PDB file of all heavy atoms in Angstrom:
ATOM      1  N   SER A   1       6.510  10.733   4.536  1.00  0.00           N
ATOM      2  CA  SER A   1       7.902  10.826   4.688  1.00  0.00           C
ATOM      3  C   SER A   1       8.337  10.745   6.071  1.00  0.00           C
ATOM      4  O   SER A   1       9.668  10.620   6.386  1.00  0.00           O
ATOM      5  CB  SER A   1       8.343  12.149   4.126  1.00  0.00           C
ATOM      6  OG  SER A   1       7.767  13.253   4.796  1.00  0.00           O
ATOM      7  N   GLU A   2       7.415  10.662   7.104  1.00  0.00           N
ATOM      8  CA  GLU A   2       7.828  10.508   8.439  1.00  0.00           C
ATOM      9  C   GLU A   2       7.505   9.228   9.120  1.00  0.00           C
ATOM     10  O   GLU A   2       7.620   9.017  10.416  1.00  0.00           O
ATOM     11  CB  GLU A   2       7.230  11.723   9.354  1.00  0.00           C
ATOM     12  CG  GLU A   2       7.667  13.140   8.762  1.00  0.00           C
ATOM     13  CD  GLU A   2       7.102  14.150   9.521  1.00  0.00           C
ATOM     14  OE1 GLU A   2       6.123  13.991  10.443  1.00  0.00           O
ATOM     15  OE2 GLU A   2       7.318  15.410   9.206  1.00  0.00           O
ATOM     16  N   ILE A   3       7.142   8.278   8.355  1.00  0.00           N
ATOM     17  CA  ILE A   3       6.797   6.942   8.764  1.00  0.00           C
ATOM     18  C   ILE A   3       8.078   6.386   9.515  1.00  0.00           C
ATOM     19  O   ILE A   3       9.054   6.200   8.832  1.00  0.00           O
ATOM     20  CB  ILE A   3       6.305   6.014   7.721  1.00  0.00           C
ATOM     21  CG1 ILE A   3       5.108   6.508   6.950  1.00  0.00           C
ATOM     22  CG2 ILE A   3       6.007   4.572   8.404  1.00  0.00           C
ATOM     23  CD1 ILE A   3       4.709   5.642   5.748  1.00  0.00           C
ATOM     24  N   SER A   4       8.091   6.111  10.812  1.00  0.00           N
ATOM     25  CA  SER A   4       9.289   5.834  11.512  1.00  0.00           C
ATOM     26  C   SER A   4       9.269   4.308  11.888  1.00  0.00           C
ATOM     27  O   SER A   4      10.325   3.735  12.440  1.00  0.00           O
ATOM     28  CB  SER A   4       9.267   6.588  12.735  1.00  0.00           C
ATOM     29  OG  SER A   4       8.237   6.376  13.621  1.00  0.00           O
ATOM     30  N   GLU A   5       8.233   3.525  11.754  1.00  0.00           N
ATOM     31  CA  GLU A   5       8.167   2.178  12.136  1.00  0.00           C
ATOM     32  C   GLU A   5       7.662   1.307  10.864  1.00  0.00           C
ATOM     33  O   GLU A   5       6.754   1.507  10.299  1.00  0.00           O
ATOM     34  CB  GLU A   5       7.127   1.888  13.267  1.00  0.00           C
ATOM     35  CG  GLU A   5       7.392   2.628  14.520  1.00  0.00           C
ATOM     36  CD  GLU A   5       6.328   2.470  15.569  1.00  0.00           C
ATOM     37  OE1 GLU A   5       5.831   1.376  15.660  1.00  0.00           O
ATOM     38  OE2 GLU A   5       5.941   3.349  16.208  1.00  0.00           O
ATOM     39  N   TYR A   6       8.685   0.261  10.616  1.00  0.00           N
ATOM     40  CA  TYR A   6       8.380  -0.504   9.475  1.00  0.00           C
ATOM     41  C   TYR A   6       7.102  -1.425   9.657  1.00  0.00           C
ATOM     42  O   TYR A   6       6.428  -1.631   8.634  1.00  0.00           O
ATOM     43  CB  TYR A   6       9.652  -1.460   9.213  1.00  0.00           C
ATOM     44  CG  TYR A   6       9.488  -2.216   7.875  1.00  0.00           C
ATOM     45  CD1 TYR A   6      10.000  -1.615   6.785  1.00  0.00           C
ATOM     46  CD2 TYR A   6       8.899  -3.384   7.876  1.00  0.00           C
ATOM     47  CE1 TYR A   6       9.912  -2.275   5.541  1.00  0.00           C
ATOM     48  CE2 TYR A   6       8.743  -4.193   6.550  1.00  0.00           C
ATOM     49  CZ  TYR A   6       9.212  -3.559   5.491  1.00  0.00           C
ATOM     50  OH  TYR A   6       9.164  -4.182   4.223  1.00  0.00           O
ATOM     51  N   ASP A   7       6.825  -1.840  10.771  1.00  0.00           N
ATOM     52  CA  ASP A   7       5.680  -2.676  10.965  1.00  0.00           C
ATOM     53  C   ASP A   7       4.303  -1.916  10.578  1.00  0.00           C
ATOM     54  O   ASP A   7       3.466  -2.575  10.116  1.00  0.00           O
ATOM     55  CB  ASP A   7       5.509  -3.215  12.387  1.00  0.00           C
ATOM     56  CG  ASP A   7       6.568  -4.320  12.639  1.00  0.00           C
ATOM     57  OD1 ASP A   7       7.198  -4.799  11.654  1.00  0.00           O
ATOM     58  OD2 ASP A   7       6.890  -4.520  13.890  1.00  0.00           O
ATOM     59  N   LYS A   8       4.317  -0.661  11.008  1.00  0.00           N
ATOM     60  CA  LYS A   8       3.103   0.081  10.717  1.00  0.00           C
ATOM     61  C   LYS A   8       3.054   0.355   9.128  1.00  0.00           C
ATOM     62  O   LYS A   8       1.921   0.310   8.621  1.00  0.00           O
ATOM     63  CB  LYS A   8       3.157   1.515  11.317  1.00  0.00           C
ATOM     64  CG  LYS A   8       3.011   1.467  12.823  1.00  0.00           C
ATOM     65  CD  LYS A   8       2.778   2.760  13.486  1.00  0.00           C
ATOM     66  CE  LYS A   8       2.567   2.786  14.960  1.00  0.00           C
ATOM     67  NZ  LYS A   8       2.344   4.030  15.611  1.00  0.00           N
ATOM     68  N   TYR A   9       4.155   0.543   8.511  1.00  0.00           N
ATOM     69  CA  TYR A   9       4.125   0.544   7.088  1.00  0.00           C
ATOM     70  C   TYR A   9       3.678  -0.662   6.463  1.00  0.00           C
ATOM     71  O   TYR A   9       2.795  -0.593   5.536  1.00  0.00           O
ATOM     72  CB  TYR A   9       5.569   0.972   6.636  1.00  0.00           C
ATOM     73  CG  TYR A   9       5.854   0.518   5.224  1.00  0.00           C
ATOM     74  CD1 TYR A   9       5.347   1.294   4.084  1.00  0.00           C
ATOM     75  CD2 TYR A   9       6.562  -0.610   4.939  1.00  0.00           C
ATOM     76  CE1 TYR A   9       5.621   0.860   2.867  1.00  0.00           C
ATOM     77  CE2 TYR A   9       6.779  -1.008   3.650  1.00  0.00           C
ATOM     78  CZ  TYR A   9       6.238  -0.369   2.601  1.00  0.00           C
ATOM     79  OH  TYR A   9       6.440  -0.718   1.368  1.00  0.00           O
ATOM     80  N   MET A  10       4.111  -1.746   6.931  1.00  0.00           N
ATOM     81  CA  MET A  10       3.809  -3.106   6.402  1.00  0.00           C
ATOM     82  C   MET A  10       2.402  -3.447   6.603  1.00  0.00           C
ATOM     83  O   MET A  10       1.763  -4.010   5.682  1.00  0.00           O
ATOM     84  CB  MET A  10       4.756  -4.163   6.854  1.00  0.00           C
ATOM     85  CG  MET A  10       4.668  -5.455   6.202  1.00  0.00           C
ATOM     86  SD  MET A  10       5.345  -5.226   4.476  1.00  0.00           S
ATOM     87  CE  MET A  10       3.874  -6.206   3.480  1.00  0.00           C
ATOM     88  N   TYR A  11       1.841  -2.974   7.757  1.00  0.00           N
ATOM     89  CA  TYR A  11       0.350  -3.194   7.970  1.00  0.00           C
ATOM     90  C   TYR A  11      -0.517  -2.526   6.874  1.00  0.00           C
ATOM     91  O   TYR A  11      -1.524  -3.075   6.475  1.00  0.00           O
ATOM     92  CB  TYR A  11       0.030  -2.655   9.336  1.00  0.00           C
ATOM     93  CG  TYR A  11      -1.487  -2.799   9.783  1.00  0.00           C
ATOM     94  CD1 TYR A  11      -1.909  -4.070  10.272  1.00  0.00           C
ATOM     95  CD2 TYR A  11      -2.387  -1.823   9.572  1.00  0.00           C
ATOM     96  CE1 TYR A  11      -3.263  -4.332  10.567  1.00  0.00           C
ATOM     97  CE2 TYR A  11      -3.648  -1.957   9.802  1.00  0.00           C
ATOM     98  CZ  TYR A  11      -4.171  -3.187  10.463  1.00  0.00           C
ATOM     99  OH  TYR A  11      -5.461  -3.444  10.742  1.00  0.00           O
ATOM    100  N   TYR A  12      -0.122  -1.212   6.598  1.00  0.00           N
ATOM    101  CA  TYR A  12      -0.832  -0.486   5.539  1.00  0.00           C
ATOM    102  C   TYR A  12      -0.724  -1.226   4.211  1.00  0.00           C
ATOM    103  O   TYR A  12      -1.731  -1.414   3.546  1.00  0.00           O
ATOM    104  CB  TYR A  12      -0.191   0.898   5.502  1.00  0.00           C
ATOM    105  CG  TYR A  12      -1.243   1.882   4.509  1.00  0.00           C
ATOM    106  CD1 TYR A  12      -2.089   2.554   5.142  1.00  0.00           C
ATOM    107  CD2 TYR A  12      -0.950   1.865   3.146  1.00  0.00           C
ATOM    108  CE1 TYR A  12      -2.933   3.390   4.402  1.00  0.00           C
ATOM    109  CE2 TYR A  12      -1.576   2.661   2.420  1.00  0.00           C
ATOM    110  CZ  TYR A  12      -2.741   3.446   3.011  1.00  0.00           C
ATOM    111  OH  TYR A  12      -3.490   4.196   2.085  1.00  0.00           O
ATOM    112  N   GLU A  13       0.485  -1.746   3.880  1.00  0.00           N
ATOM    113  CA  GLU A  13       0.657  -2.388   2.595  1.00  0.00           C
ATOM    114  C   GLU A  13      -0.241  -3.704   2.575  1.00  0.00           C
ATOM    115  O   GLU A  13      -0.833  -3.969   1.490  1.00  0.00           O
ATOM    116  CB  GLU A  13       2.222  -2.713   2.456  1.00  0.00           C
ATOM    117  CG  GLU A  13       3.006  -1.564   2.105  1.00  0.00           C
ATOM    118  CD  GLU A  13       2.890  -1.046   0.692  1.00  0.00           C
ATOM    119  OE1 GLU A  13       2.335  -1.694  -0.293  1.00  0.00           O
ATOM    120  OE2 GLU A  13       3.401   0.004   0.444  1.00  0.00           O
ATOM    121  N   ASP A  14      -0.307  -4.276   3.581  1.00  0.00           N
ATOM    122  CA  ASP A  14      -1.119  -5.545   3.740  1.00  0.00           C
ATOM    123  C   ASP A  14      -2.543  -5.147   3.514  1.00  0.00           C
ATOM    124  O   ASP A  14      -3.400  -5.975   2.939  1.00  0.00           O
ATOM    125  CB  ASP A  14      -0.840  -6.272   5.088  1.00  0.00           C
ATOM    126  CG  ASP A  14       0.350  -7.249   5.059  1.00  0.00           C
ATOM    127  OD1 ASP A  14       0.764  -7.574   3.806  1.00  0.00           O
ATOM    128  OD2 ASP A  14       0.966  -7.461   6.188  1.00  0.00           O
ATOM    129  N   SER A  15      -3.005  -4.117   4.101  1.00  0.00           N
ATOM    130  CA  SER A  15      -4.371  -3.624   3.938  1.00  0.00           C
ATOM    131  C   SER A  15      -4.693  -3.475   2.522  1.00  0.00           C
ATOM    132  O   SER A  15      -5.860  -3.770   2.087  1.00  0.00           O
ATOM    133  CB  SER A  15      -4.576  -2.317   4.763  1.00  0.00           C
ATOM    134  OG  SER A  15      -4.382  -2.519   6.111  1.00  0.00           O
ATOM    135  N   VAL A  16      -3.903  -2.820   1.753  1.00  0.00           N
ATOM    136  CA  VAL A  16      -4.040  -2.626   0.312  1.00  0.00           C
ATOM    137  C   VAL A  16      -4.125  -3.841  -0.393  1.00  0.00           C
ATOM    138  O   VAL A  16      -4.902  -4.091  -1.278  1.00  0.00           O
ATOM    139  CB  VAL A  16      -2.897  -1.694  -0.294  1.00  0.00           C
ATOM    140  CG1 VAL A  16      -2.931  -1.610  -1.738  1.00  0.00           C
ATOM    141  CG2 VAL A  16      -2.858  -0.347   0.365  1.00  0.00           C
ATOM    142  N   ARG A  17      -3.309  -4.838  -0.070  1.00  0.00           N
ATOM    143  CA  ARG A  17      -3.372  -6.202  -0.726  1.00  0.00           C
ATOM    144  C   ARG A  17      -4.607  -6.785  -0.541  1.00  0.00           C
ATOM    145  O   ARG A  17      -5.135  -7.564  -1.475  1.00  0.00           O
ATOM    146  CB  ARG A  17      -2.142  -7.013  -0.105  1.00  0.00           C
ATOM    147  CG  ARG A  17      -0.763  -6.677  -0.672  1.00  0.00           C
ATOM    148  CD  ARG A  17       0.201  -7.606  -0.040  1.00  0.00           C
ATOM    149  NE  ARG A  17       1.593  -7.544  -0.606  1.00  0.00           N
ATOM    150  CZ  ARG A  17       2.572  -8.052  -0.033  1.00  0.00           C
ATOM    151  NH1 ARG A  17       2.541  -8.670   1.049  1.00  0.00           N
ATOM    152  NH2 ARG A  17       3.785  -7.826  -0.691  1.00  0.00           N
ATOM    153  N   LYS A  18      -5.360  -6.606   0.553  1.00  0.00           N
ATOM    154  CA  LYS A  18      -6.620  -7.316   0.901  1.00  0.00           C
ATOM    155  C   LYS A  18      -7.608  -6.720   0.010  1.00  0.00           C
ATOM    156  O   LYS A  18      -8.702  -7.335  -0.015  1.00  0.00           O
ATOM    157  CB  LYS A  18      -6.841  -7.263   2.307  1.00  0.00           C
ATOM    158  CG  LYS A  18      -5.924  -8.048   3.231  1.00  0.00           C
ATOM    159  CD  LYS A  18      -6.305  -7.804   4.796  1.00  0.00           C
ATOM    160  CE  LYS A  18      -5.297  -8.574   5.623  1.00  0.00           C
ATOM    161  NZ  LYS A  18      -5.477  -8.245   7.067  1.00  0.00           N
ATOM    162  N   LYS A  19      -7.494  -5.474  -0.426  1.00  0.00           N
ATOM    163  CA  LYS A  19      -8.448  -4.782  -1.193  1.00  0.00           C
ATOM    164  C   LYS A  19      -8.324  -4.853  -2.716  1.00  0.00           C
ATOM    165  O   LYS A  19      -9.196  -4.462  -3.515  1.00  0.00           O
ATOM    166  CB  LYS A  19      -8.601  -3.341  -0.682  1.00  0.00           C
ATOM    167  CG  LYS A  19      -8.967  -3.168   0.709  1.00  0.00           C
ATOM    168  CD  LYS A  19     -10.470  -3.508   0.975  1.00  0.00           C
ATOM    169  CE  LYS A  19     -10.807  -3.324   2.468  1.00  0.00           C
ATOM    170  NZ  LYS A  19     -11.017  -1.873   2.703  1.00  0.00           N
ATOM    171  N   THR A  20      -7.282  -5.245  -3.195  1.00  0.00           N
ATOM    172  CA  THR A  20      -6.977  -5.371  -4.613  1.00  0.00           C
ATOM    173  C   THR A  20      -6.089  -6.469  -4.918  1.00  0.00           C
ATOM    174  O   THR A  20      -5.230  -6.858  -4.376  1.00  0.00           O
ATOM    175  CB  THR A  20      -6.298  -3.981  -5.059  1.00  0.00           C
ATOM    176  OG1 THR A  20      -5.995  -3.990  -6.573  1.00  0.00           O
ATOM    177  CG2 THR A  20      -4.911  -3.734  -4.415  1.00  0.00           C
ATOM    178  N   VAL A  21      -6.370  -6.982  -6.157  1.00  0.00           N
ATOM    179  CA  VAL A  21      -5.660  -8.177  -6.696  1.00  0.00           C
ATOM    180  C   VAL A  21      -4.154  -7.864  -6.943  1.00  0.00           C
ATOM    181  O   VAL A  21      -3.345  -8.713  -6.607  1.00  0.00           O
ATOM    182  CB  VAL A  21      -6.394  -8.757  -8.095  1.00  0.00           C
ATOM    183  CG1 VAL A  21      -5.543  -9.893  -8.575  1.00  0.00           C
ATOM    184  CG2 VAL A  21      -7.795  -9.156  -7.754  1.00  0.00           C
ATOM    185  N   CYS A  22      -4.004  -6.803  -7.614  1.00  0.00           N
ATOM    186  CA  CYS A  22      -2.548  -6.424  -7.883  1.00  0.00           C
ATOM    187  C   CYS A  22      -2.387  -4.960  -7.498  1.00  0.00           C
ATOM    188  O   CYS A  22      -2.711  -3.937  -8.344  1.00  0.00           O
ATOM    189  CB  CYS A  22      -2.292  -6.482  -9.425  1.00  0.00           C
ATOM    190  SG  CYS A  22      -0.635  -6.114 -10.040  1.00  0.00           S
ATOM    191  N   PRO A  23      -1.770  -4.795  -6.336  1.00  0.00           N
ATOM    192  CA  PRO A  23      -1.558  -3.414  -5.733  1.00  0.00           C
ATOM    193  C   PRO A  23      -0.987  -2.393  -6.619  1.00  0.00           C
ATOM    194  O   PRO A  23      -1.396  -1.353  -6.772  1.00  0.00           O
ATOM    195  CB  PRO A  23      -0.881  -3.739  -4.404  1.00  0.00           C
ATOM    196  CG  PRO A  23      -1.282  -5.079  -4.027  1.00  0.00           C
ATOM    197  CD  PRO A  23      -1.386  -5.771  -5.390  1.00  0.00           C
ATOM    198  N   ILE A  24       0.186  -2.798  -7.193  1.00  0.00           N
ATOM    199  CA  ILE A  24       0.977  -1.829  -8.102  1.00  0.00           C
ATOM    200  C   ILE A  24       0.229  -1.506  -9.297  1.00  0.00           C
ATOM    201  O   ILE A  24       0.381  -0.346  -9.796  1.00  0.00           O
ATOM    202  CB  ILE A  24       2.320  -2.452  -8.327  1.00  0.00           C
ATOM    203  CG1 ILE A  24       3.211  -1.337  -8.991  1.00  0.00           C
ATOM    204  CG2 ILE A  24       2.212  -3.587  -9.482  1.00  0.00           C
ATOM    205  CD1 ILE A  24       3.701  -0.411  -7.897  1.00  0.00           C
ATOM    206  N   GLU A  25      -0.638  -2.332  -9.740  1.00  0.00           N
ATOM    207  CA  GLU A  25      -1.492  -1.994 -10.876  1.00  0.00           C
ATOM    208  C   GLU A  25      -2.601  -0.854 -10.519  1.00  0.00           C
ATOM    209  O   GLU A  25      -2.895   0.055 -11.114  1.00  0.00           O
ATOM    210  CB  GLU A  25      -2.273  -3.200 -11.494  1.00  0.00           C
ATOM    211  CG  GLU A  25      -2.927  -2.792 -12.763  1.00  0.00           C
ATOM    212  CD  GLU A  25      -2.104  -2.612 -13.932  1.00  0.00           C
ATOM    213  OE1 GLU A  25      -0.928  -2.969 -14.027  1.00  0.00           O
ATOM    214  OE2 GLU A  25      -2.680  -1.849 -14.799  1.00  0.00           O
ATOM    215  N   TRP A  26      -3.201  -1.143  -9.301  1.00  0.00           N
ATOM    216  CA  TRP A  26      -4.131  -0.212  -8.843  1.00  0.00           C
ATOM    217  C   TRP A  26      -3.464   1.187  -8.591  1.00  0.00           C
ATOM    218  O   TRP A  26      -3.926   2.319  -8.892  1.00  0.00           O
ATOM    219  CB  TRP A  26      -4.708  -0.656  -7.461  1.00  0.00           C
ATOM    220  CG  TRP A  26      -5.629   0.316  -6.732  1.00  0.00           C
ATOM    221  CD1 TRP A  26      -6.898   0.673  -7.027  1.00  0.00           C
ATOM    222  CD2 TRP A  26      -5.204   1.283  -5.786  1.00  0.00           C
ATOM    223  NE1 TRP A  26      -7.426   1.692  -6.330  1.00  0.00           N
ATOM    224  CE2 TRP A  26      -6.323   2.125  -5.535  1.00  0.00           C
ATOM    225  CE3 TRP A  26      -3.983   1.444  -5.161  1.00  0.00           C
ATOM    226  CZ2 TRP A  26      -6.158   3.123  -4.614  1.00  0.00           C
ATOM    227  CZ3 TRP A  26      -3.869   2.548  -4.199  1.00  0.00           C
ATOM    228  CH2 TRP A  26      -5.071   3.351  -3.860  1.00  0.00           C
ATOM    229  N   GLU A  27      -2.305   1.112  -7.984  1.00  0.00           N
ATOM    230  CA  GLU A  27      -1.586   2.365  -7.591  1.00  0.00           C
ATOM    231  C   GLU A  27      -1.213   3.198  -8.829  1.00  0.00           C
ATOM    232  O   GLU A  27      -1.297   4.389  -8.765  1.00  0.00           O
ATOM    233  CB  GLU A  27      -0.210   1.989  -6.848  1.00  0.00           C
ATOM    234  CG  GLU A  27       0.630   3.159  -6.397  1.00  0.00           C
ATOM    235  CD  GLU A  27       1.598   3.792  -7.376  1.00  0.00           C
ATOM    236  OE1 GLU A  27       1.861   3.019  -8.429  1.00  0.00           O
ATOM    237  OE2 GLU A  27       2.028   4.945  -7.218  1.00  0.00           O
ATOM    238  N   SER A  28      -0.819   2.564  -9.915  1.00  0.00           N
ATOM    239  CA  SER A  28      -0.494   3.290 -11.174  1.00  0.00           C
ATOM    240  C   SER A  28      -1.598   4.099 -11.710  1.00  0.00           C
ATOM    241  O   SER A  28      -1.469   5.242 -12.048  1.00  0.00           O
ATOM    242  CB  SER A  28       0.074   2.214 -12.298  1.00  0.00           C
ATOM    243  OG  SER A  28       1.359   1.680 -11.805  1.00  0.00           O
ATOM    244  N   LYS A  29      -2.669   3.436 -11.550  1.00  0.00           N
ATOM    245  CA  LYS A  29      -3.937   4.171 -12.038  1.00  0.00           C
ATOM    246  C   LYS A  29      -4.587   5.207 -11.140  1.00  0.00           C
ATOM    247  O   LYS A  29      -5.009   6.219 -11.545  1.00  0.00           O
ATOM    248  CB  LYS A  29      -5.139   3.079 -12.406  1.00  0.00           C
ATOM    249  CG  LYS A  29      -4.632   2.160 -13.535  1.00  0.00           C
ATOM    250  CD  LYS A  29      -5.844   1.136 -13.645  1.00  0.00           C
ATOM    251  CE  LYS A  29      -5.434   0.036 -14.746  1.00  0.00           C
ATOM    252  NZ  LYS A  29      -6.407  -1.023 -14.903  1.00  0.00           N
ATOM    253  N   ALA A  30      -4.384   4.652  -9.837  1.00  0.00           N
ATOM    254  CA  ALA A  30      -5.056   5.640  -8.840  1.00  0.00           C
ATOM    255  C   ALA A  30      -4.211   6.845  -8.646  1.00  0.00           C
ATOM    256  O   ALA A  30      -4.795   8.048  -8.419  1.00  0.00           O
ATOM    257  CB  ALA A  30      -5.050   4.966  -7.502  1.00  0.00           C
ATOM    258  N   TRP A  31      -2.921   6.787  -8.724  1.00  0.00           N
ATOM    259  CA  TRP A  31      -2.002   8.008  -8.695  1.00  0.00           C
ATOM    260  C   TRP A  31      -2.398   9.104  -9.724  1.00  0.00           C
ATOM    261  O   TRP A  31      -2.586  10.278  -9.497  1.00  0.00           O
ATOM    262  CB  TRP A  31      -0.575   7.627  -8.745  1.00  0.00           C
ATOM    263  CG  TRP A  31       0.360   8.868  -8.236  1.00  0.00           C
ATOM    264  CD1 TRP A  31       0.897   8.915  -7.096  1.00  0.00           C
ATOM    265  CD2 TRP A  31       0.877   9.833  -8.939  1.00  0.00           C
ATOM    266  NE1 TRP A  31       1.682  10.154  -7.017  1.00  0.00           N
ATOM    267  CE2 TRP A  31       1.609  10.580  -8.138  1.00  0.00           C
ATOM    268  CE3 TRP A  31       0.517  10.332 -10.328  1.00  0.00           C
ATOM    269  CZ2 TRP A  31       2.219  11.900  -8.625  1.00  0.00           C
ATOM    270  CZ3 TRP A  31       1.162  11.594 -10.734  1.00  0.00           C
ATOM    271  CH2 TRP A  31       1.967  12.242  -9.899  1.00  0.00           C
ATOM    272  N   ILE A  32      -2.422   8.602 -10.957  1.00  0.00           N
ATOM    273  CA  ILE A  32      -2.819   9.481 -12.176  1.00  0.00           C
ATOM    274  C   ILE A  32      -4.262  10.142 -11.784  1.00  0.00           C
ATOM    275  O   ILE A  32      -4.544  11.261 -12.196  1.00  0.00           O
ATOM    276  CB  ILE A  32      -2.856   8.639 -13.393  1.00  0.00           C
ATOM    277  CG1 ILE A  32      -1.331   8.229 -13.745  1.00  0.00           C
ATOM    278  CG2 ILE A  32      -3.357   9.543 -14.572  1.00  0.00           C
ATOM    279  CD1 ILE A  32      -1.208   7.248 -14.813  1.00  0.00           C
TER     280      ILE A  32
END
């Protein structure tokens, strides 16, 4: 909730993309 820089946020999202074919599909299962 305190992420203050968009570029840092986007770097993390890109890191997730590199590790999974469909990030939102992984997230849905991983959160549960």
